[in-house]
């Protein structure tokens, strides 16, 4: 692994008292990732989405969902994941991976029409060259109301701002970075399962900045635009993003890939 400066290592690996921390151990001691394999888990995901996208930030009409579970036409061709708090069993955060489905050339992605044409030509060419049957959109990434309340951040569906400083009562650690990285670990697990080689996403600028601090950098990022709030579109080859994390932040790579257990397929090598 490449060498890192001592200052970067201290920033990443040490507490203020100088004790070394292990990202994976910390995350796994407080949170559990569940890739949805049952209707019960999918319904838990939909319940968090209803709370976030229909009540707290009413992007969707709650009257359309009398069962209090937000869902849409993309969900039947999506994979879903949930992060739970180990001690309480509470749902902490959710994410889905929208895939092309049975007819890739005829299937759109949620952000494709509204956002992709705003990206530069290089990014548009990269999207056009990627095999659609192995592309997916990272979508409906949301943190539950309770955790956003603890973050003192109600306006952001993901609970991320540049000032986020939530400290978990169990250990006094900032939880938001761990939740964001846990969601990315869930995305990777779903991608490996479904043979996904390329990701697209539209994210809050603060979320992208937080991920970048932890070595998660997309190949292409577009301009800030209005899309359910201020967002930036992004596109990347999954393997190149994971390779970059390994170079920049091997500790984050260990958490996201579960020490190499989950590695995305490379284009042409599935």
C-alpha atoms as a PDB file:
ATOM      1  CA  UNK A   1       0.000   0.000   0.000  1.00  0.00           C
ATOM      2  CA  UNK A   2       1.234   3.514  -0.689  1.00  0.00           C
ATOM      3  CA  UNK A   3       2.791   5.578   2.045  1.00  0.00           C
ATOM      4  CA  UNK A   4       0.805   8.371   3.636  1.00  0.00           C
ATOM      5  CA  UNK A   5       2.033  11.424   5.444  1.00  0.00           C
ATOM      6  CA  UNK A   6       2.079  11.199   9.214  1.00  0.00           C
ATOM      7  CA  UNK A   7      -0.329  14.112   9.511  1.00  0.00           C
ATOM      8  CA  UNK A   8      -2.874  12.334   7.306  1.00  0.00           C
ATOM      9  CA  UNK A   9      -2.483   9.143   9.312  1.00  0.00           C
ATOM     10  CA  UNK A  10      -3.058  11.042  12.540  1.00  0.00           C
ATOM     11  CA  UNK A  11      -6.152  12.680  11.099  1.00  0.00           C
ATOM     12  CA  UNK A  12      -7.525   9.332   9.979  1.00  0.00           C
ATOM     13  CA  UNK A  13      -6.501   6.896  12.613  1.00  0.00           C
ATOM     14  CA  UNK A  14      -6.117   8.626  15.948  1.00  0.00           C
ATOM     15  CA  UNK A  15      -8.409  10.054  18.562  1.00  0.00           C
ATOM     16  CA  UNK A  16      -7.519  13.370  20.244  1.00  0.00           C
ATOM     17  CA  UNK A  17      -5.836  11.306  22.954  1.00  0.00           C
ATOM     18  CA  UNK A  18      -3.657   9.604  20.356  1.00  0.00           C
ATOM     19  CA  UNK A  19      -5.367   6.206  20.503  1.00  0.00           C
ATOM     20  CA  UNK A  20      -5.576   4.373  17.185  1.00  0.00           C
ATOM     21  CA  UNK A  21      -9.087   3.725  15.863  1.00  0.00           C
ATOM     22  CA  UNK A  22     -10.262   1.079  13.433  1.00  0.00           C
ATOM     23  CA  UNK A  23     -13.057   2.327  11.178  1.00  0.00           C
ATOM     24  CA  UNK A  24     -14.439  -1.137  10.519  1.00  0.00           C
ATOM     25  CA  UNK A  25     -14.511  -2.101  14.191  1.00  0.00           C
ATOM     26  CA  UNK A  26     -16.172   1.161  15.178  1.00  0.00           C
ATOM     27  CA  UNK A  27     -18.814   0.935  12.459  1.00  0.00           C
ATOM     28  CA  UNK A  28     -19.599  -2.722  13.108  1.00  0.00           C
ATOM     29  CA  UNK A  29     -19.837  -2.176  16.857  1.00  0.00           C
ATOM     30  CA  UNK A  30     -22.669   0.334  16.412  1.00  0.00           C
ATOM     31  CA  UNK A  31     -24.301  -0.447  13.061  1.00  0.00           C
ATOM     32  CA  UNK A  32     -25.396  -3.391  10.943  1.00  0.00           C
ATOM     33  CA  UNK A  33     -25.838  -3.435   7.141  1.00  0.00           C
ATOM     34  CA  UNK A  34     -28.744  -5.459   5.799  1.00  0.00           C
ATOM     35  CA  UNK A  35     -29.172  -5.931   2.065  1.00  0.00           C
ATOM     36  CA  UNK A  36     -32.885  -6.501   1.619  1.00  0.00           C
ATOM     37  CA  UNK A  37     -33.751 -10.122   0.872  1.00  0.00           C
ATOM     38  CA  UNK A  38     -37.279 -10.147   2.277  1.00  0.00           C
ATOM     39  CA  UNK A  39     -40.470  -8.151   1.932  1.00  0.00           C
ATOM     40  CA  UNK A  40     -40.178  -7.230   5.606  1.00  0.00           C
ATOM     41  CA  UNK A  41     -36.823  -5.509   5.107  1.00  0.00           C
ATOM     42  CA  UNK A  42     -37.965  -3.770   1.924  1.00  0.00           C
ATOM     43  CA  UNK A  43     -40.955  -2.411   3.837  1.00  0.00           C
ATOM     44  CA  UNK A  44     -38.622  -1.036   6.523  1.00  0.00           C
ATOM     45  CA  UNK A  45     -36.726   0.763   3.759  1.00  0.00           C
ATOM     46  CA  UNK A  46     -39.962   2.184   2.339  1.00  0.00           C
ATOM     47  CA  UNK A  47     -41.033   3.366   5.808  1.00  0.00           C
ATOM     48  CA  UNK A  48     -37.842   5.402   6.250  1.00  0.00           C
ATOM     49  CA  UNK A  49     -38.269   6.829   2.765  1.00  0.00           C
ATOM     50  CA  UNK A  50     -41.872   7.837   3.557  1.00  0.00           C
ATOM     51  CA  UNK A  51     -40.738   9.609   6.699  1.00  0.00           C
ATOM     52  CA  UNK A  52     -37.952  11.468   4.871  1.00  0.00           C
ATOM     53  CA  UNK A  53     -39.375  12.132   1.394  1.00  0.00           C
ATOM     54  CA  UNK A  54     -43.077  12.552   2.201  1.00  0.00           C
ATOM     55  CA  UNK A  55     -43.179  14.073   5.696  1.00  0.00           C
ATOM     56  CA  UNK A  56     -39.888  15.736   6.584  1.00  0.00           C
ATOM     57  CA  UNK A  57     -38.943  16.878   3.079  1.00  0.00           C
ATOM     58  CA  UNK A  58     -42.167  16.550   1.074  1.00  0.00           C
ATOM     59  CA  UNK A  59     -40.737  15.741  -2.355  1.00  0.00           C
ATOM     60  CA  UNK A  60     -43.583  13.228  -2.710  1.00  0.00           C
ATOM     61  CA  UNK A  61     -47.278  13.470  -1.837  1.00  0.00           C
ATOM     62  CA  UNK A  62     -47.944  11.477   1.368  1.00  0.00           C
ATOM     63  CA  UNK A  63     -51.569  10.954   0.288  1.00  0.00           C
ATOM     64  CA  UNK A  64     -50.304   8.620  -2.432  1.00  0.00           C
ATOM     65  CA  UNK A  65     -48.999   6.236   0.222  1.00  0.00           C
ATOM     66  CA  UNK A  66     -51.773   5.379   2.714  1.00  0.00           C
ATOM     67  CA  UNK A  67     -49.642   2.512   4.060  1.00  0.00           C
ATOM     68  CA  UNK A  68     -46.907   5.072   4.937  1.00  0.00           C
ATOM     69  CA  UNK A  69     -44.363   3.369   2.692  1.00  0.00           C
ATOM     70  CA  UNK A  70     -42.906   5.494  -0.110  1.00  0.00           C
ATOM     71  CA  UNK A  71     -42.177   3.612  -3.333  1.00  0.00           C
ATOM     72  CA  UNK A  72     -42.165   4.295  -7.061  1.00  0.00           C
ATOM     73  CA  UNK A  73     -41.979   2.698 -10.501  1.00  0.00           C
ATOM     74  CA  UNK A  74     -38.215   2.164 -10.226  1.00  0.00           C
ATOM     75  CA  UNK A  75     -38.364  -0.032  -7.136  1.00  0.00           C
ATOM     76  CA  UNK A  76     -39.259  -3.316  -8.877  1.00  0.00           C
ATOM     77  CA  UNK A  77     -35.899  -3.144 -10.709  1.00  0.00           C
ATOM     78  CA  UNK A  78     -33.944  -1.932  -7.691  1.00  0.00           C
ATOM     79  CA  UNK A  79     -31.930  -3.485  -4.889  1.00  0.00           C
ATOM     80  CA  UNK A  80     -32.435  -2.057  -1.405  1.00  0.00           C
ATOM     81  CA  UNK A  81     -30.333  -1.862   1.743  1.00  0.00           C
ATOM     82  CA  UNK A  82     -30.822  -0.722   5.313  1.00  0.00           C
ATOM     83  CA  UNK A  83     -28.436   0.296   8.089  1.00  0.00           C
ATOM     84  CA  UNK A  84     -29.662  -0.532  11.588  1.00  0.00           C
ATOM     85  CA  UNK A  85     -28.455   0.574  14.997  1.00  0.00           C
ATOM     86  CA  UNK A  86     -27.271  -2.584  16.743  1.00  0.00           C
ATOM     87  CA  UNK A  87     -28.289  -1.690  20.297  1.00  0.00           C
ATOM     88  CA  UNK A  88     -31.816  -0.484  19.533  1.00  0.00           C
ATOM     89  CA  UNK A  89     -32.574  -2.205  16.234  1.00  0.00           C
ATOM     90  CA  UNK A  90     -33.728   1.155  14.864  1.00  0.00           C
ATOM     91  CA  UNK A  91     -33.541   1.879  11.144  1.00  0.00           C
ATOM     92  CA  UNK A  92     -30.776   4.445  10.697  1.00  0.00           C
ATOM     93  CA  UNK A  93     -30.388   4.915   6.934  1.00  0.00           C
ATOM     94  CA  UNK A  94     -31.448   3.460   3.603  1.00  0.00           C
ATOM     95  CA  UNK A  95     -30.312   3.410  -0.011  1.00  0.00           C
ATOM     96  CA  UNK A  96     -31.370   1.745  -3.236  1.00  0.00           C
ATOM     97  CA  UNK A  97     -29.567   0.796  -6.408  1.00  0.00           C
ATOM     98  CA  UNK A  98     -31.731   1.285  -9.507  1.00  0.00           C
ATOM     99  CA  UNK A  99     -30.745  -1.116 -12.289  1.00  0.00           C
ATOM    100  CA  UNK A 100     -31.596  -1.303 -15.969  1.00  0.00           C
ATOM    101  CA  UNK A 101     -33.853  -4.323 -15.609  1.00  0.00           C
ATOM    102  CA  UNK A 102     -34.853  -6.814 -18.274  1.00  0.00           C
ATOM    103  CA  UNK A 103     -34.752  -4.330 -21.174  1.00  0.00           C
ATOM    104  CA  UNK A 104     -31.629  -2.191 -20.589  1.00  0.00           C
ATOM    105  CA  UNK A 105     -31.800  -0.188 -23.813  1.00  0.00           C
ATOM    106  CA  UNK A 106     -35.382   0.876 -23.123  1.00  0.00           C
ATOM    107  CA  UNK A 107     -35.028   1.497 -19.384  1.00  0.00           C
ATOM    108  CA  UNK A 108     -34.153   4.928 -18.062  1.00  0.00           C
ATOM    109  CA  UNK A 109     -32.575   5.888 -14.757  1.00  0.00           C
ATOM    110  CA  UNK A 110     -34.280   8.469 -12.490  1.00  0.00           C
ATOM    111  CA  UNK A 111     -31.583  11.153 -12.876  1.00  0.00           C
ATOM    112  CA  UNK A 112     -30.716  10.444 -16.492  1.00  0.00           C
ATOM    113  CA  UNK A 113     -33.129  12.789 -18.261  1.00  0.00           C
ATOM    114  CA  UNK A 114     -33.056  15.697 -15.791  1.00  0.00           C
ATOM    115  CA  UNK A 115     -29.323  15.688 -15.035  1.00  0.00           C
ATOM    116  CA  UNK A 116     -26.951  13.860 -17.355  1.00  0.00           C
ATOM    117  CA  UNK A 117     -27.128  16.399 -20.183  1.00  0.00           C
ATOM    118  CA  UNK A 118     -25.788  19.008 -17.752  1.00  0.00           C
ATOM    119  CA  UNK A 119     -22.505  17.145 -17.361  1.00  0.00           C
ATOM    120  CA  UNK A 120     -19.533  17.809 -19.647  1.00  0.00           C
ATOM    121  CA  UNK A 121     -19.016  15.934 -22.903  1.00  0.00           C
ATOM    122  CA  UNK A 122     -16.388  13.616 -21.450  1.00  0.00           C
ATOM    123  CA  UNK A 123     -18.823  12.448 -18.788  1.00  0.00           C
ATOM    124  CA  UNK A 124     -21.633  12.036 -21.317  1.00  0.00           C
ATOM    125  CA  UNK A 125     -19.338   9.971 -23.543  1.00  0.00           C
ATOM    126  CA  UNK A 126     -18.375   7.797 -20.576  1.00  0.00           C
ATOM    127  CA  UNK A 127     -22.043   7.127 -19.809  1.00  0.00           C
ATOM    128  CA  UNK A 128     -22.762   6.314 -23.454  1.00  0.00           C
ATOM    129  CA  UNK A 129     -19.844   3.876 -23.602  1.00  0.00           C
ATOM    130  CA  UNK A 130     -20.765   1.975 -20.440  1.00  0.00           C
ATOM    131  CA  UNK A 131     -22.879  -1.189 -20.843  1.00  0.00           C
ATOM    132  CA  UNK A 132     -26.347  -0.246 -19.618  1.00  0.00           C
ATOM    133  CA  UNK A 133     -27.076  -3.723 -18.271  1.00  0.00           C
ATOM    134  CA  UNK A 134     -24.182  -3.223 -15.843  1.00  0.00           C
ATOM    135  CA  UNK A 135     -25.005   0.373 -14.849  1.00  0.00           C
ATOM    136  CA  UNK A 136     -26.963   1.422 -11.770  1.00  0.00           C
ATOM    137  CA  UNK A 137     -28.065   4.629 -10.123  1.00  0.00           C
ATOM    138  CA  UNK A 138     -27.415   5.201  -6.430  1.00  0.00           C
ATOM    139  CA  UNK A 139     -30.754   6.591  -5.307  1.00  0.00           C
ATOM    140  CA  UNK A 140     -33.044   7.355  -2.341  1.00  0.00           C
ATOM    141  CA  UNK A 141     -30.119   7.672   0.063  1.00  0.00           C
ATOM    142  CA  UNK A 142     -31.681   8.872   3.305  1.00  0.00           C
ATOM    143  CA  UNK A 143     -31.040   9.052   7.043  1.00  0.00           C
ATOM    144  CA  UNK A 144     -33.940   8.547   9.438  1.00  0.00           C
ATOM    145  CA  UNK A 145     -35.619  11.413  11.247  1.00  0.00           C
ATOM    146  CA  UNK A 146     -34.232  10.396  14.645  1.00  0.00           C
ATOM    147  CA  UNK A 147     -30.640  10.437  13.466  1.00  0.00           C
ATOM    148  CA  UNK A 148     -31.088  13.690  11.584  1.00  0.00           C
ATOM    149  CA  UNK A 149     -32.546  15.178  14.771  1.00  0.00           C
ATOM    150  CA  UNK A 150     -29.442  14.106  16.666  1.00  0.00           C
ATOM    151  CA  UNK A 151     -27.398  15.704  13.903  1.00  0.00           C
ATOM    152  CA  UNK A 152     -29.411  18.923  14.324  1.00  0.00           C
ATOM    153  CA  UNK A 153     -29.938  18.747  10.580  1.00  0.00           C
ATOM    154  CA  UNK A 154     -33.535  18.615   9.376  1.00  0.00           C
ATOM    155  CA  UNK A 155     -33.184  20.107   5.908  1.00  0.00           C
ATOM    156  CA  UNK A 156     -30.920  17.433   4.430  1.00  0.00           C
ATOM    157  CA  UNK A 157     -32.368  13.994   3.576  1.00  0.00           C
ATOM    158  CA  UNK A 158     -28.926  12.466   4.152  1.00  0.00           C
ATOM    159  CA  UNK A 159     -28.289  14.412   7.349  1.00  0.00           C
ATOM    160  CA  UNK A 160     -25.025  15.805   5.998  1.00  0.00           C
ATOM    161  CA  UNK A 161     -23.834  19.368   6.133  1.00  0.00           C
ATOM    162  CA  UNK A 162     -20.340  20.762   6.297  1.00  0.00           C
ATOM    163  CA  UNK A 163     -20.973  21.457   9.994  1.00  0.00           C
ATOM    164  CA  UNK A 164     -22.331  18.004  10.929  1.00  0.00           C
ATOM    165  CA  UNK A 165     -20.923  17.149  14.335  1.00  0.00           C
ATOM    166  CA  UNK A 166     -23.216  14.517  15.817  1.00  0.00           C
ATOM    167  CA  UNK A 167     -21.530  12.588  18.619  1.00  0.00           C
ATOM    168  CA  UNK A 168     -23.000   9.169  19.398  1.00  0.00           C
ATOM    169  CA  UNK A 169     -23.751   8.791  23.102  1.00  0.00           C
ATOM    170  CA  UNK A 170     -21.960   5.454  23.000  1.00  0.00           C
ATOM    171  CA  UNK A 171     -18.359   6.547  22.828  1.00  0.00           C
ATOM    172  CA  UNK A 172     -18.760  10.184  21.822  1.00  0.00           C
ATOM    173  CA  UNK A 173     -17.795   9.576  18.196  1.00  0.00           C
ATOM    174  CA  UNK A 174     -19.162  11.432  15.187  1.00  0.00           C
ATOM    175  CA  UNK A 175     -21.657   9.053  13.621  1.00  0.00           C
ATOM    176  CA  UNK A 176     -22.408  10.702  10.285  1.00  0.00           C
ATOM    177  CA  UNK A 177     -19.178   9.715   8.501  1.00  0.00           C
ATOM    178  CA  UNK A 178     -19.696   6.123   9.599  1.00  0.00           C
ATOM    179  CA  UNK A 179     -23.287   6.099   8.368  1.00  0.00           C
ATOM    180  CA  UNK A 180     -22.258   7.555   4.987  1.00  0.00           C
ATOM    181  CA  UNK A 181     -19.477   5.004   4.589  1.00  0.00           C
ATOM    182  CA  UNK A 182     -21.836   2.239   5.701  1.00  0.00           C
ATOM    183  CA  UNK A 183     -24.271   3.229   2.961  1.00  0.00           C
ATOM    184  CA  UNK A 184     -21.440   3.003   0.447  1.00  0.00           C
ATOM    185  CA  UNK A 185     -20.542  -0.432   1.789  1.00  0.00           C
ATOM    186  CA  UNK A 186     -24.170  -1.454   1.215  1.00  0.00           C
ATOM    187  CA  UNK A 187     -24.058  -0.067  -2.337  1.00  0.00           C
ATOM    188  CA  UNK A 188     -20.936  -2.117  -3.024  1.00  0.00           C
ATOM    189  CA  UNK A 189     -22.487  -5.322  -1.677  1.00  0.00           C
ATOM    190  CA  UNK A 190     -25.539  -4.886  -3.907  1.00  0.00           C
ATOM    191  CA  UNK A 191     -23.336  -4.056  -6.898  1.00  0.00           C
ATOM    192  CA  UNK A 192     -21.230  -7.190  -6.487  1.00  0.00           C
ATOM    193  CA  UNK A 193     -24.381  -9.295  -6.206  1.00  0.00           C
ATOM    194  CA  UNK A 194     -25.876  -7.850  -9.395  1.00  0.00           C
ATOM    195  CA  UNK A 195     -22.726  -7.467 -11.508  1.00  0.00           C
ATOM    196  CA  UNK A 196     -22.738  -3.653 -11.570  1.00  0.00           C
ATOM    197  CA  UNK A 197     -19.622  -2.018 -13.031  1.00  0.00           C
ATOM    198  CA  UNK A 198     -20.692   1.661 -13.273  1.00  0.00           C
ATOM    199  CA  UNK A 199     -22.501   3.979 -10.873  1.00  0.00           C
ATOM    200  CA  UNK A 200     -24.369   7.220 -11.429  1.00  0.00           C
ATOM    201  CA  UNK A 201     -25.759   9.382  -8.663  1.00  0.00           C
ATOM    202  CA  UNK A 202     -27.046  12.855  -7.907  1.00  0.00           C
ATOM    203  CA  UNK A 203     -25.941  13.977  -4.463  1.00  0.00           C
ATOM    204  CA  UNK A 204     -25.906  16.975  -2.172  1.00  0.00           C
ATOM    205  CA  UNK A 205     -22.624  18.887  -2.504  1.00  0.00           C
ATOM    206  CA  UNK A 206     -21.934  18.405   1.224  1.00  0.00           C
ATOM    207  CA  UNK A 207     -22.390  14.641   0.839  1.00  0.00           C
ATOM    208  CA  UNK A 208     -19.884  14.541  -2.015  1.00  0.00           C
ATOM    209  CA  UNK A 209     -17.415  16.605   0.012  1.00  0.00           C
ATOM    210  CA  UNK A 210     -17.781  14.305   2.996  1.00  0.00           C
ATOM    211  CA  UNK A 211     -17.188  11.222   0.853  1.00  0.00           C
ATOM    212  CA  UNK A 212     -14.171  12.859  -0.799  1.00  0.00           C
ATOM    213  CA  UNK A 213     -12.632  13.473   2.628  1.00  0.00           C
ATOM    214  CA  UNK A 214     -12.748   9.714   3.071  1.00  0.00           C
ATOM    215  CA  UNK A 215     -11.221   8.967  -0.334  1.00  0.00           C
ATOM    216  CA  UNK A 216     -14.487   8.279  -2.187  1.00  0.00           C
ATOM    217  CA  UNK A 217     -14.079  10.248  -5.429  1.00  0.00           C
ATOM    218  CA  UNK A 218     -16.228   9.884  -8.538  1.00  0.00           C
ATOM    219  CA  UNK A 219     -14.553   9.988 -11.968  1.00  0.00           C
ATOM    220  CA  UNK A 220     -16.966  12.643 -13.248  1.00  0.00           C
ATOM    221  CA  UNK A 221     -18.895  15.240 -11.234  1.00  0.00           C
ATOM    222  CA  UNK A 222     -21.211  17.770 -12.857  1.00  0.00           C
ATOM    223  CA  UNK A 223     -22.303  21.264 -11.837  1.00  0.00           C
ATOM    224  CA  UNK A 224     -24.588  22.140  -8.939  1.00  0.00           C
ATOM    225  CA  UNK A 225     -28.204  22.150 -10.104  1.00  0.00           C
ATOM    226  CA  UNK A 226     -31.700  22.228  -8.702  1.00  0.00           C
ATOM    227  CA  UNK A 227     -32.981  18.658  -8.414  1.00  0.00           C
ATOM    228  CA  UNK A 228     -35.037  18.176  -5.234  1.00  0.00           C
ATOM    229  CA  UNK A 229     -32.743  20.782  -3.717  1.00  0.00           C
ATOM    230  CA  UNK A 230     -29.214  21.645  -4.776  1.00  0.00           C
ATOM    231  CA  UNK A 231     -27.493  18.540  -6.142  1.00  0.00           C
ATOM    232  CA  UNK A 232     -24.513  17.525  -8.283  1.00  0.00           C
ATOM    233  CA  UNK A 233     -24.679  14.630 -10.771  1.00  0.00           C
ATOM    234  CA  UNK A 234     -21.839  12.129 -10.758  1.00  0.00           C
ATOM    235  CA  UNK A 235     -20.714   9.077 -12.731  1.00  0.00           C
ATOM    236  CA  UNK A 236     -17.911   6.582 -12.211  1.00  0.00           C
ATOM    237  CA  UNK A 237     -16.598   3.146 -12.969  1.00  0.00           C
ATOM    238  CA  UNK A 238     -17.033   1.287  -9.700  1.00  0.00           C
ATOM    239  CA  UNK A 239     -13.687  -0.542  -9.780  1.00  0.00           C
ATOM    240  CA  UNK A 240     -11.717   2.659 -10.403  1.00  0.00           C
ATOM    241  CA  UNK A 241     -13.461   4.368  -7.488  1.00  0.00           C
ATOM    242  CA  UNK A 242     -12.665   1.445  -5.175  1.00  0.00           C
ATOM    243  CA  UNK A 243      -9.051   1.361  -6.428  1.00  0.00           C
ATOM    244  CA  UNK A 244      -8.757   5.056  -5.606  1.00  0.00           C
ATOM    245  CA  UNK A 245     -10.035   4.484  -2.080  1.00  0.00           C
ATOM    246  CA  UNK A 246      -7.416   1.783  -1.579  1.00  0.00           C
ATOM    247  CA  UNK A 247      -4.681   4.225  -2.630  1.00  0.00           C
ATOM    248  CA  UNK A 248      -5.955   7.184  -0.610  1.00  0.00           C
ATOM    249  CA  UNK A 249      -7.631   5.592   2.402  1.00  0.00           C
ATOM    250  CA  UNK A 250      -6.886   1.899   2.956  1.00  0.00           C
ATOM    251  CA  UNK A 251      -8.776   2.048   6.263  1.00  0.00           C
ATOM    252  CA  UNK A 252     -11.928   3.158   4.430  1.00  0.00           C
ATOM    253  CA  UNK A 253     -11.298   0.509   1.751  1.00  0.00           C
ATOM    254  CA  UNK A 254     -11.247  -2.143   4.479  1.00  0.00           C
ATOM    255  CA  UNK A 255     -14.615  -0.966   5.820  1.00  0.00           C
ATOM    256  CA  UNK A 256     -16.352  -0.582   2.465  1.00  0.00           C
ATOM    257  CA  UNK A 257     -15.060  -3.814   0.899  1.00  0.00           C
ATOM    258  CA  UNK A 258     -15.033  -5.787   4.159  1.00  0.00           C
ATOM    259  CA  UNK A 259     -11.258  -6.266   3.767  1.00  0.00           C
ATOM    260  CA  UNK A 260     -11.571  -7.218   0.099  1.00  0.00           C
ATOM    261  CA  UNK A 261     -14.551  -9.555   0.402  1.00  0.00           C
ATOM    262  CA  UNK A 262     -16.697  -7.297  -1.808  1.00  0.00           C
ATOM    263  CA  UNK A 263     -14.935  -5.984  -4.914  1.00  0.00           C
ATOM    264  CA  UNK A 264     -16.868  -4.705  -7.939  1.00  0.00           C
ATOM    265  CA  UNK A 265     -16.469  -6.527 -11.234  1.00  0.00           C
ATOM    266  CA  UNK A 266     -14.256  -4.825 -13.785  1.00  0.00           C
ATOM    267  CA  UNK A 267     -15.697  -4.050 -17.219  1.00  0.00           C
ATOM    268  CA  UNK A 268     -15.155  -7.027 -19.521  1.00  0.00           C
ATOM    269  CA  UNK A 269     -14.084  -9.308 -16.647  1.00  0.00           C
ATOM    270  CA  UNK A 270     -17.393 -10.385 -15.135  1.00  0.00           C
END
